[in-house]
Amino acid sequence: MTATTSPTANPYTRANPFLARIAENRALTRQGSEKETRHIAVDLRGSGLSYQVGDSLGIFARNPPEIVEELLQALGLSGEETVSLQGKTAPLREFLASQFVLNRTTKKFARALAEKLAPGASRDQIQALCQNEAELDAYLHGRDYVDLLRSHPGASFGPEELIGLLSRSLPRLYSVASAPAVYPEEVHLTVAVVRFHTHGREKLGLASGHLARQQPSESRDLPVYVQPAKHFRLPEDPATSLIMVGPGTGVAPFRAFLQQRAALGHTGRNWLFFGEQHRATDFLYEEEFLEFQHKGVLTRLDTAFSRDQAQKIYVQHRMIEQGEALWSWLQEGAHFYVCGDAHRMAKDVHQTLIDIAHRFGGLNPEEAARYVNVTLAKEQKRYHKDVY
């Protein structure tokens, strides 16, 4: 397998995933961090799968066995009941583990529960909530099926009826954090583990919780596939410079970019903006990035550790501080990449780019917006986003 292998040649797909094994699972955040971010290495040997930097790995996660058992117990079911789903037949327990989201409930289930309960205060409460979408959403937030059934006992559901009320689980895509030129038969992921405590119980995100629990072993039981990126690629010219903005787990593809460029001898300059809460506990891949900087692969490294001072500092603040140099790099043909949170970070970074074009490029506000939105992104195709 090589870095140039076409991703369309991959024999395994979302509909036919490869059963991979976990080769490594280690913490990236240090003791005292408010977060848990992990480095997961997935062994693809024997799959024939190839990937490129910028791609994502699709993961099919399973619910924890204890959550499945709690749900079965709350419903008075054994789990051995045979059910059919899309032409497949299996014990209910297996479908609950592998095919459905169990860490949050659905409004459809709440409405069905309201119809099943015997007359009384419990039923009246649920039925009243079901009459108001906003109140129902607020009530169900943070609750899973077990929470709901324990708060409102007495309803029973048949196995087939039950699975018709649950949400199907979908694969979770993680940006690849490794380079095929360095790790041709392994994919690295940077996983932020979602943990939360609600209604007296500890809970985990479905995919991140599943990956966090996996230990390196010889067993191949993690269904995966490669999801090619369409527009998040390295420039064809190895002499092109890169500006990369990747706070938190958004740094994953840029670790891959730097590995690939170093391995292939690309001569273009590389500038990374990385942000997290605390330098002492949350500087993901710190040693690797500092080594890249020492070797000259990473030309510039600007960090923003938001909680290390009284006033929060984010990557967009570092961008504006370095606005003159950043504008100069763009004028010299650099490609601009951003990866991570689409809802706030990517929007702030986008606006900061426009501000830089205005303040350091001498463009008026309308010209600056057009430069970023049209010239850079659409005409020159030098603005790349991998946001979620």
Protein backbone atom coordinates (compact mmCIF):
# COMPACT_ATOMS: atom_id res chain seq x y z
CA MET A 1 0.00 0.00 0.00
CA THR A 2 1.35 3.41 -0.95
CA ALA A 3 0.38 7.02 -0.49
CA THR A 4 -0.60 7.27 -4.13
CA THR A 5 -2.97 4.31 -4.22
CA SER A 6 -6.40 5.40 -5.37
CA PRO A 7 -8.93 5.34 -2.53
CA THR A 8 -11.53 3.98 -4.94
CA ALA A 9 -9.57 0.71 -4.98
CA ASN A 10 -10.37 0.04 -1.33
CA PRO A 11 -12.06 -3.36 -0.99
CA TYR A 12 -13.88 -2.45 2.23
CA THR A 13 -16.59 0.20 2.43
CA ARG A 14 -19.22 1.56 4.78
CA ALA A 15 -21.54 -1.22 3.61
CA ASN A 16 -18.77 -3.81 3.99
CA PRO A 17 -16.39 -2.64 6.75
CA PHE A 18 -13.09 -4.27 7.63
CA LEU A 19 -12.73 -5.84 11.07
CA ALA A 20 -9.63 -4.12 12.42
CA ARG A 21 -7.79 -4.41 15.71
CA ILE A 22 -6.58 -1.75 18.12
CA ALA A 23 -2.78 -1.57 18.12
CA GLU A 24 -2.37 1.29 20.60
CA ASN A 25 -4.55 3.27 23.00
CA ARG A 26 -2.85 5.94 25.12
CA ALA A 27 -3.77 9.21 26.77
CA LEU A 28 -2.60 12.43 25.12
CA THR A 29 -3.88 14.68 27.88
CA ARG A 30 -1.92 14.59 31.12
CA GLN A 31 -3.00 14.17 34.72
CA GLY A 32 -4.97 17.18 35.90
CA SER A 33 -6.56 17.93 32.53
CA GLU A 34 -10.27 18.72 32.43
CA LYS A 35 -10.46 16.67 29.24
CA GLU A 36 -9.64 13.15 28.14
CA THR A 37 -8.11 12.96 24.68
CA ARG A 38 -6.61 9.70 23.46
CA HIS A 39 -4.34 8.51 20.68
CA ILE A 40 -5.80 5.40 19.04
CA ALA A 41 -3.83 3.35 16.49
CA VAL A 42 -5.92 1.06 14.29
CA ASP A 43 -4.16 -1.86 12.60
CA LEU A 44 -5.26 -2.34 8.97
CA ARG A 45 -2.87 -5.15 8.06
CA GLY A 46 -4.42 -7.67 5.72
CA SER A 47 -7.21 -5.33 4.64
CA GLY A 48 -5.79 -3.96 1.42
CA LEU A 49 -7.14 -0.59 2.55
CA SER A 50 -5.28 2.54 1.51
CA TYR A 51 -5.72 6.10 2.66
CA GLN A 52 -4.41 9.58 2.02
CA VAL A 53 -3.75 12.43 4.42
CA GLY A 54 -6.96 14.40 4.81
CA ASP A 55 -9.13 11.26 4.77
CA SER A 56 -11.27 10.09 7.68
CA LEU A 57 -11.76 6.65 9.21
CA GLY A 58 -15.32 5.51 9.75
CA ILE A 59 -15.89 3.59 13.00
CA PHE A 60 -18.88 1.43 13.87
CA ALA A 61 -19.18 1.56 17.67
CA ARG A 62 -20.92 -0.76 20.12
CA ASN A 63 -22.84 0.11 23.26
CA PRO A 64 -21.29 -1.08 26.53
CA PRO A 65 -22.64 -4.50 27.63
CA GLU A 66 -23.74 -3.07 30.97
CA ILE A 67 -25.96 -0.45 29.26
CA VAL A 68 -27.58 -3.15 27.14
CA GLU A 69 -28.23 -5.28 30.23
CA GLU A 70 -29.66 -2.33 32.18
CA LEU A 71 -32.11 -1.64 29.36
CA LEU A 72 -33.14 -5.28 29.07
CA GLN A 73 -33.65 -5.47 32.82
CA ALA A 74 -35.74 -2.29 32.86
CA LEU A 75 -37.96 -3.78 30.16
CA GLY A 76 -38.16 -7.27 31.66
CA LEU A 77 -36.60 -8.84 28.55
CA SER A 78 -33.96 -11.57 28.45
CA GLY A 79 -32.09 -10.34 25.38
CA GLU A 80 -32.30 -13.79 23.79
CA GLU A 81 -35.51 -12.93 21.97
CA THR A 82 -35.04 -13.30 18.21
CA VAL A 83 -35.72 -10.18 16.16
CA SER A 84 -35.35 -9.24 12.50
CA LEU A 85 -33.81 -6.07 11.18
CA GLN A 86 -33.36 -5.28 7.49
CA GLY A 87 -33.41 -8.92 6.51
CA LYS A 88 -31.08 -10.05 9.29
CA THR A 89 -32.14 -12.12 12.28
CA ALA A 90 -30.28 -12.10 15.59
CA PRO A 91 -30.88 -12.06 19.35
CA LEU A 92 -32.25 -8.74 20.61
CA ARG A 93 -29.15 -8.27 22.79
CA GLU A 94 -26.85 -8.26 19.77
CA PHE A 95 -28.92 -5.72 17.84
CA LEU A 96 -29.12 -3.45 20.89
CA ALA A 97 -25.35 -3.60 21.27
CA SER A 98 -24.44 -2.95 17.65
CA GLN A 99 -27.27 -1.23 15.79
CA PHE A 100 -28.83 1.42 18.02
CA VAL A 101 -27.94 4.53 20.02
CA LEU A 102 -28.68 3.80 23.68
CA ASN A 103 -27.06 6.78 25.43
CA ARG A 104 -29.94 9.12 24.59
CA THR A 105 -33.62 8.51 24.17
CA THR A 106 -36.02 9.47 21.38
CA LYS A 107 -39.23 11.47 21.48
CA LYS A 108 -40.91 8.59 19.67
CA PHE A 109 -40.07 6.30 22.60
CA ALA A 110 -41.31 8.86 25.14
CA ARG A 111 -44.64 9.17 23.31
CA ALA A 112 -44.99 5.39 23.12
CA LEU A 113 -44.19 5.15 26.84
CA ALA A 114 -46.93 7.68 27.63
CA GLU A 115 -49.45 5.46 25.88
CA LYS A 116 -48.26 2.33 27.69
CA LEU A 117 -48.35 3.59 31.28
CA ALA A 118 -51.30 2.93 33.55
CA PRO A 119 -53.43 6.00 34.41
CA GLY A 120 -51.84 8.13 37.12
CA ALA A 121 -49.40 10.95 37.86
CA SER A 122 -46.51 9.34 35.96
CA ARG A 123 -48.54 8.97 32.80
CA ASP A 124 -50.03 12.46 33.16
CA GLN A 125 -46.55 13.98 33.41
CA ILE A 126 -45.23 12.29 30.27
CA GLN A 127 -48.40 13.00 28.29
CA ALA A 128 -48.26 16.68 29.27
CA LEU A 129 -44.61 16.88 28.17
CA CYS A 130 -45.45 15.24 24.86
CA GLN A 131 -47.86 18.10 24.11
CA ASN A 132 -44.99 20.63 24.11
CA GLU A 133 -41.98 19.96 21.89
CA ALA A 134 -39.67 22.40 23.69
CA GLU A 135 -40.52 21.04 27.14
CA LEU A 136 -40.13 17.45 25.92
CA ASP A 137 -36.73 18.24 24.40
CA ALA A 138 -35.60 19.84 27.66
CA TYR A 139 -36.86 16.91 29.73
CA LEU A 140 -35.19 14.27 27.55
CA HIS A 141 -31.85 16.12 27.35
CA GLY A 142 -29.23 13.99 29.11
CA ARG A 143 -31.65 11.12 29.68
CA ASP A 144 -31.34 7.69 28.14
CA TYR A 145 -33.92 4.89 27.93
CA VAL A 146 -32.94 3.46 31.30
CA ASP A 147 -33.40 6.86 32.98
CA LEU A 148 -36.84 7.21 31.44
CA LEU A 149 -37.98 3.68 32.30
CA ARG A 150 -36.75 3.92 35.88
CA SER A 151 -38.55 7.24 36.37
CA HIS A 152 -41.73 5.86 34.80
CA PRO A 153 -41.90 2.12 35.53
CA GLY A 154 -44.65 -0.23 34.56
CA ALA A 155 -44.62 -0.17 30.76
CA SER A 156 -43.74 -3.18 28.65
CA PHE A 157 -42.57 -3.38 25.04
CA GLY A 158 -42.21 -6.36 22.76
CA PRO A 159 -38.78 -6.87 21.17
CA GLU A 160 -39.87 -5.92 17.64
CA GLU A 161 -41.87 -2.99 18.95
CA LEU A 162 -38.88 -1.79 20.95
CA ILE A 163 -36.41 -1.66 18.08
CA GLY A 164 -38.94 0.30 16.03
CA LEU A 165 -38.74 3.09 18.60
CA LEU A 166 -34.94 3.39 18.85
CA SER A 167 -32.50 5.51 16.82
CA ARG A 168 -30.16 3.60 14.53
CA SER A 169 -26.49 4.19 15.20
CA LEU A 170 -24.39 5.68 12.40
CA PRO A 171 -20.65 5.36 11.86
CA ARG A 172 -18.54 8.12 13.42
CA LEU A 173 -15.90 9.71 11.19
CA TYR A 174 -12.51 10.60 12.69
CA SER A 175 -9.89 12.63 10.82
CA VAL A 176 -6.84 10.51 10.13
CA ALA A 177 -3.87 11.65 12.25
CA SER A 178 -1.16 9.61 10.50
CA ALA A 179 0.57 9.61 7.12
CA PRO A 180 0.53 6.61 4.77
CA ALA A 181 4.16 7.33 3.86
CA VAL A 182 5.05 6.59 7.49
CA TYR A 183 2.26 4.21 8.60
CA PRO A 184 1.02 2.44 5.45
CA GLU A 185 -0.93 -0.25 7.32
CA GLU A 186 -2.03 1.70 10.38
CA VAL A 187 -4.39 4.62 10.93
CA HIS A 188 -4.01 6.94 13.92
CA LEU A 189 -6.95 8.80 15.45
CA THR A 190 -7.13 11.65 17.97
CA VAL A 191 -10.21 11.00 20.07
CA ALA A 192 -11.84 13.36 22.57
CA VAL A 193 -13.65 11.07 25.00
CA VAL A 194 -17.12 12.33 25.91
CA ARG A 195 -17.97 11.58 29.56
CA PHE A 196 -20.88 13.07 31.47
CA HIS A 197 -22.90 12.45 34.63
CA THR A 198 -26.66 12.89 34.50
CA HIS A 199 -29.57 11.61 36.57
CA GLY A 200 -27.31 9.74 38.95
CA ARG A 201 -25.45 7.75 36.29
CA GLU A 202 -22.11 8.03 34.48
CA LYS A 203 -22.41 8.06 30.70
CA LEU A 204 -20.12 7.97 27.68
CA GLY A 205 -20.32 9.14 24.10
CA LEU A 206 -21.12 6.18 21.86
CA ALA A 207 -18.07 6.16 19.55
CA SER A 208 -15.53 7.92 21.77
CA GLY A 209 -16.56 5.80 24.76
CA HIS A 210 -16.25 2.62 22.71
CA LEU A 211 -12.77 3.55 21.48
CA ALA A 212 -11.65 4.63 24.96
CA ARG A 213 -12.53 1.18 26.31
CA GLN A 214 -10.65 -0.74 23.62
CA GLN A 215 -7.33 -2.26 24.65
CA PRO A 216 -4.58 -3.35 22.25
CA SER A 217 -5.18 -7.00 21.41
CA GLU A 218 -5.05 -9.52 18.61
CA SER A 219 -8.83 -9.64 18.32
CA ARG A 220 -10.19 -8.03 15.16
CA ASP A 221 -13.61 -6.74 16.08
CA LEU A 222 -13.65 -3.03 15.21
CA PRO A 223 -15.56 -2.45 11.93
CA VAL A 224 -13.88 0.37 9.98
CA TYR A 225 -13.70 1.88 6.50
CA VAL A 226 -11.84 4.75 4.86
CA GLN A 227 -13.87 7.84 3.95
CA PRO A 228 -11.93 9.76 1.28
CA ALA A 229 -11.75 13.55 1.50
CA LYS A 230 -12.74 15.46 -1.61
CA HIS A 231 -11.27 18.87 -0.91
CA PHE A 232 -9.00 18.43 2.13
CA ARG A 233 -5.79 17.43 0.40
CA LEU A 234 -2.18 18.52 0.32
CA PRO A 235 -1.32 20.82 -2.61
CA GLU A 236 0.04 19.07 -5.68
CA ASP A 237 3.16 21.25 -5.64
CA PRO A 238 5.42 20.05 -2.77
CA ALA A 239 6.96 23.55 -2.57
CA THR A 240 3.63 25.14 -1.59
CA SER A 241 3.43 26.56 1.92
CA LEU A 242 0.68 25.56 4.37
CA ILE A 243 -1.07 27.49 7.14
CA MET A 244 -2.92 25.04 9.41
CA VAL A 245 -5.38 25.94 12.16
CA GLY A 246 -6.30 22.97 14.33
CA PRO A 247 -7.28 23.52 17.97
CA GLY A 248 -8.02 20.48 20.13
CA THR A 249 -8.59 17.28 18.16
CA GLY A 250 -8.70 19.43 15.02
CA VAL A 251 -4.92 19.09 15.00
CA ALA A 252 -5.21 15.45 13.91
CA PRO A 253 -4.95 15.87 10.12
CA PHE A 254 -2.10 18.34 10.49
CA ARG A 255 -0.01 15.79 12.36
CA ALA A 256 -0.60 13.63 9.26
CA PHE A 257 0.25 16.48 6.89
CA LEU A 258 3.57 17.14 8.65
CA GLN A 259 4.48 13.45 8.76
CA GLN A 260 3.73 13.06 5.05
CA ARG A 261 5.59 16.20 3.99
CA ALA A 262 8.63 15.26 6.08
CA ALA A 263 8.69 11.69 4.74
CA LEU A 264 8.36 12.78 1.11
CA GLY A 265 10.78 15.68 1.40
CA HIS A 266 8.32 18.45 0.57
CA THR A 267 10.07 21.81 0.66
CA GLY A 268 7.07 24.07 1.32
CA ARG A 269 6.93 25.94 4.62
CA ASN A 270 4.48 24.78 7.31
CA TRP A 271 2.78 26.98 9.91
CA LEU A 272 0.60 25.48 12.63
CA PHE A 273 -1.82 27.23 14.99
CA PHE A 274 -2.81 24.96 17.88
CA GLY A 275 -5.03 25.74 20.84
CA GLU A 276 -6.31 24.00 23.96
CA GLN A 277 -7.04 24.81 27.61
CA HIS A 278 -3.68 24.36 29.41
CA ARG A 279 -0.19 23.88 28.02
CA ALA A 280 0.89 21.66 30.92
CA THR A 281 -1.91 19.12 30.45
CA ASP A 282 -3.48 19.60 27.01
CA PHE A 283 -0.69 20.16 24.47
CA LEU A 284 -1.55 17.24 22.19
CA TYR A 285 1.47 15.63 20.46
CA GLU A 286 3.70 18.30 22.02
CA GLU A 287 6.96 16.35 21.69
CA GLU A 288 6.27 15.49 18.05
CA PHE A 289 5.44 19.04 17.04
CA LEU A 290 8.47 20.45 18.85
CA GLU A 291 10.64 17.86 17.09
CA PHE A 292 9.15 18.86 13.73
CA GLN A 293 9.98 22.45 14.62
CA HIS A 294 13.53 21.51 15.64
CA LYS A 295 14.06 19.71 12.33
CA GLY A 296 12.70 22.63 10.33
CA VAL A 297 9.66 20.75 9.03
CA LEU A 298 7.39 23.00 11.10
CA THR A 299 8.45 26.51 10.16
CA ARG A 300 6.22 28.30 12.66
CA LEU A 301 4.21 27.10 15.67
CA ASP A 302 1.77 29.44 17.39
CA THR A 303 -0.15 28.13 20.41
CA ALA A 304 -3.13 29.48 22.29
CA PHE A 305 -3.80 27.96 25.72
CA SER A 306 -7.06 29.61 26.66
CA ARG A 307 -7.04 29.00 30.44
CA ASP A 308 -3.39 29.74 31.20
CA GLN A 309 -4.09 33.42 31.81
CA ALA A 310 -6.96 35.54 33.12
CA GLN A 311 -8.18 36.48 29.65
CA LYS A 312 -9.00 33.59 27.33
CA ILE A 313 -6.82 33.40 24.24
CA TYR A 314 -7.88 31.33 21.22
CA VAL A 315 -6.29 30.47 17.88
CA GLN A 316 -8.03 33.38 16.13
CA HIS A 317 -6.32 35.79 18.55
CA ARG A 318 -2.92 34.35 17.60
CA MET A 319 -3.85 34.67 13.92
CA ILE A 320 -4.59 38.37 14.24
CA GLU A 321 -1.40 38.90 16.28
CA GLN A 322 0.52 37.39 13.36
CA GLY A 323 -1.76 38.97 10.77
CA GLU A 324 0.95 40.74 8.78
CA ALA A 325 3.02 37.56 8.33
CA LEU A 326 -0.09 35.46 7.68
CA TRP A 327 -1.23 37.85 4.96
CA SER A 328 2.27 37.74 3.45
CA TRP A 329 2.18 33.92 3.33
CA LEU A 330 -1.21 34.01 1.61
CA GLN A 331 0.06 36.48 -0.97
CA GLU A 332 2.98 34.15 -1.64
CA GLY A 333 0.59 31.30 -2.48
CA ALA A 334 0.14 29.46 0.83
CA HIS A 335 -2.86 27.19 1.26
CA PHE A 336 -5.01 27.76 4.36
CA TYR A 337 -6.52 24.82 6.29
CA VAL A 338 -8.85 24.71 9.29
CA CYS A 339 -10.08 21.62 11.12
CA GLY A 340 -12.36 21.23 14.13
CA ASP A 341 -15.54 22.69 15.60
CA ALA A 342 -17.80 24.10 12.89
CA HIS A 343 -20.20 25.93 15.18
CA ARG A 344 -17.89 28.46 16.83
CA MET A 345 -14.19 28.00 16.15
CA ALA A 346 -14.35 27.69 12.36
CA LYS A 347 -16.69 30.68 12.11
CA ASP A 348 -14.36 32.78 14.28
CA VAL A 349 -11.34 31.71 12.23
CA HIS A 350 -13.19 32.55 9.01
CA GLN A 351 -14.07 36.03 10.25
CA THR A 352 -10.50 36.54 11.44
CA LEU A 353 -9.23 35.73 7.94
CA ILE A 354 -11.52 38.44 6.58
CA ASP A 355 -10.31 40.86 9.26
CA ILE A 356 -6.68 40.11 8.32
CA ALA A 357 -7.45 40.76 4.63
CA HIS A 358 -8.99 44.08 5.67
CA ARG A 359 -6.38 45.22 8.22
CA PHE A 360 -3.19 43.90 6.63
CA GLY A 361 -4.23 43.59 2.99
CA GLY A 362 -5.64 47.09 2.72
CA LEU A 363 -8.98 45.83 1.37
CA ASN A 364 -12.26 47.41 2.34
CA PRO A 365 -14.68 45.12 4.29
CA GLU A 366 -16.57 44.03 1.16
CA GLU A 367 -13.36 43.35 -0.77
CA ALA A 368 -11.90 41.45 2.18
CA ALA A 369 -14.97 39.20 2.44
CA ARG A 370 -14.90 38.57 -1.31
CA TYR A 371 -11.19 37.73 -1.20
CA VAL A 372 -11.71 35.03 1.45
CA ASN A 373 -15.09 33.70 0.30
CA VAL A 374 -14.56 33.78 -3.44
CA THR A 375 -10.95 34.35 -4.49
CA LEU A 376 -9.22 32.18 -1.88
CA ALA A 377 -11.93 29.51 -1.44
CA LYS A 378 -13.56 29.11 -4.85
CA GLU A 379 -11.35 30.57 -7.56
CA GLN A 380 -7.89 29.66 -6.26
CA LYS A 381 -9.10 26.74 -4.10
CA ARG A 382 -6.53 27.53 -1.40
CA TYR A 383 -8.95 27.57 1.57
CA HIS A 384 -9.75 24.09 2.89
CA LYS A 385 -12.12 23.11 5.72
CA ASP A 386 -12.65 19.87 7.62
CA VAL A 387 -15.20 20.98 10.21
CA TYR A 388 -17.85 19.14 12.17
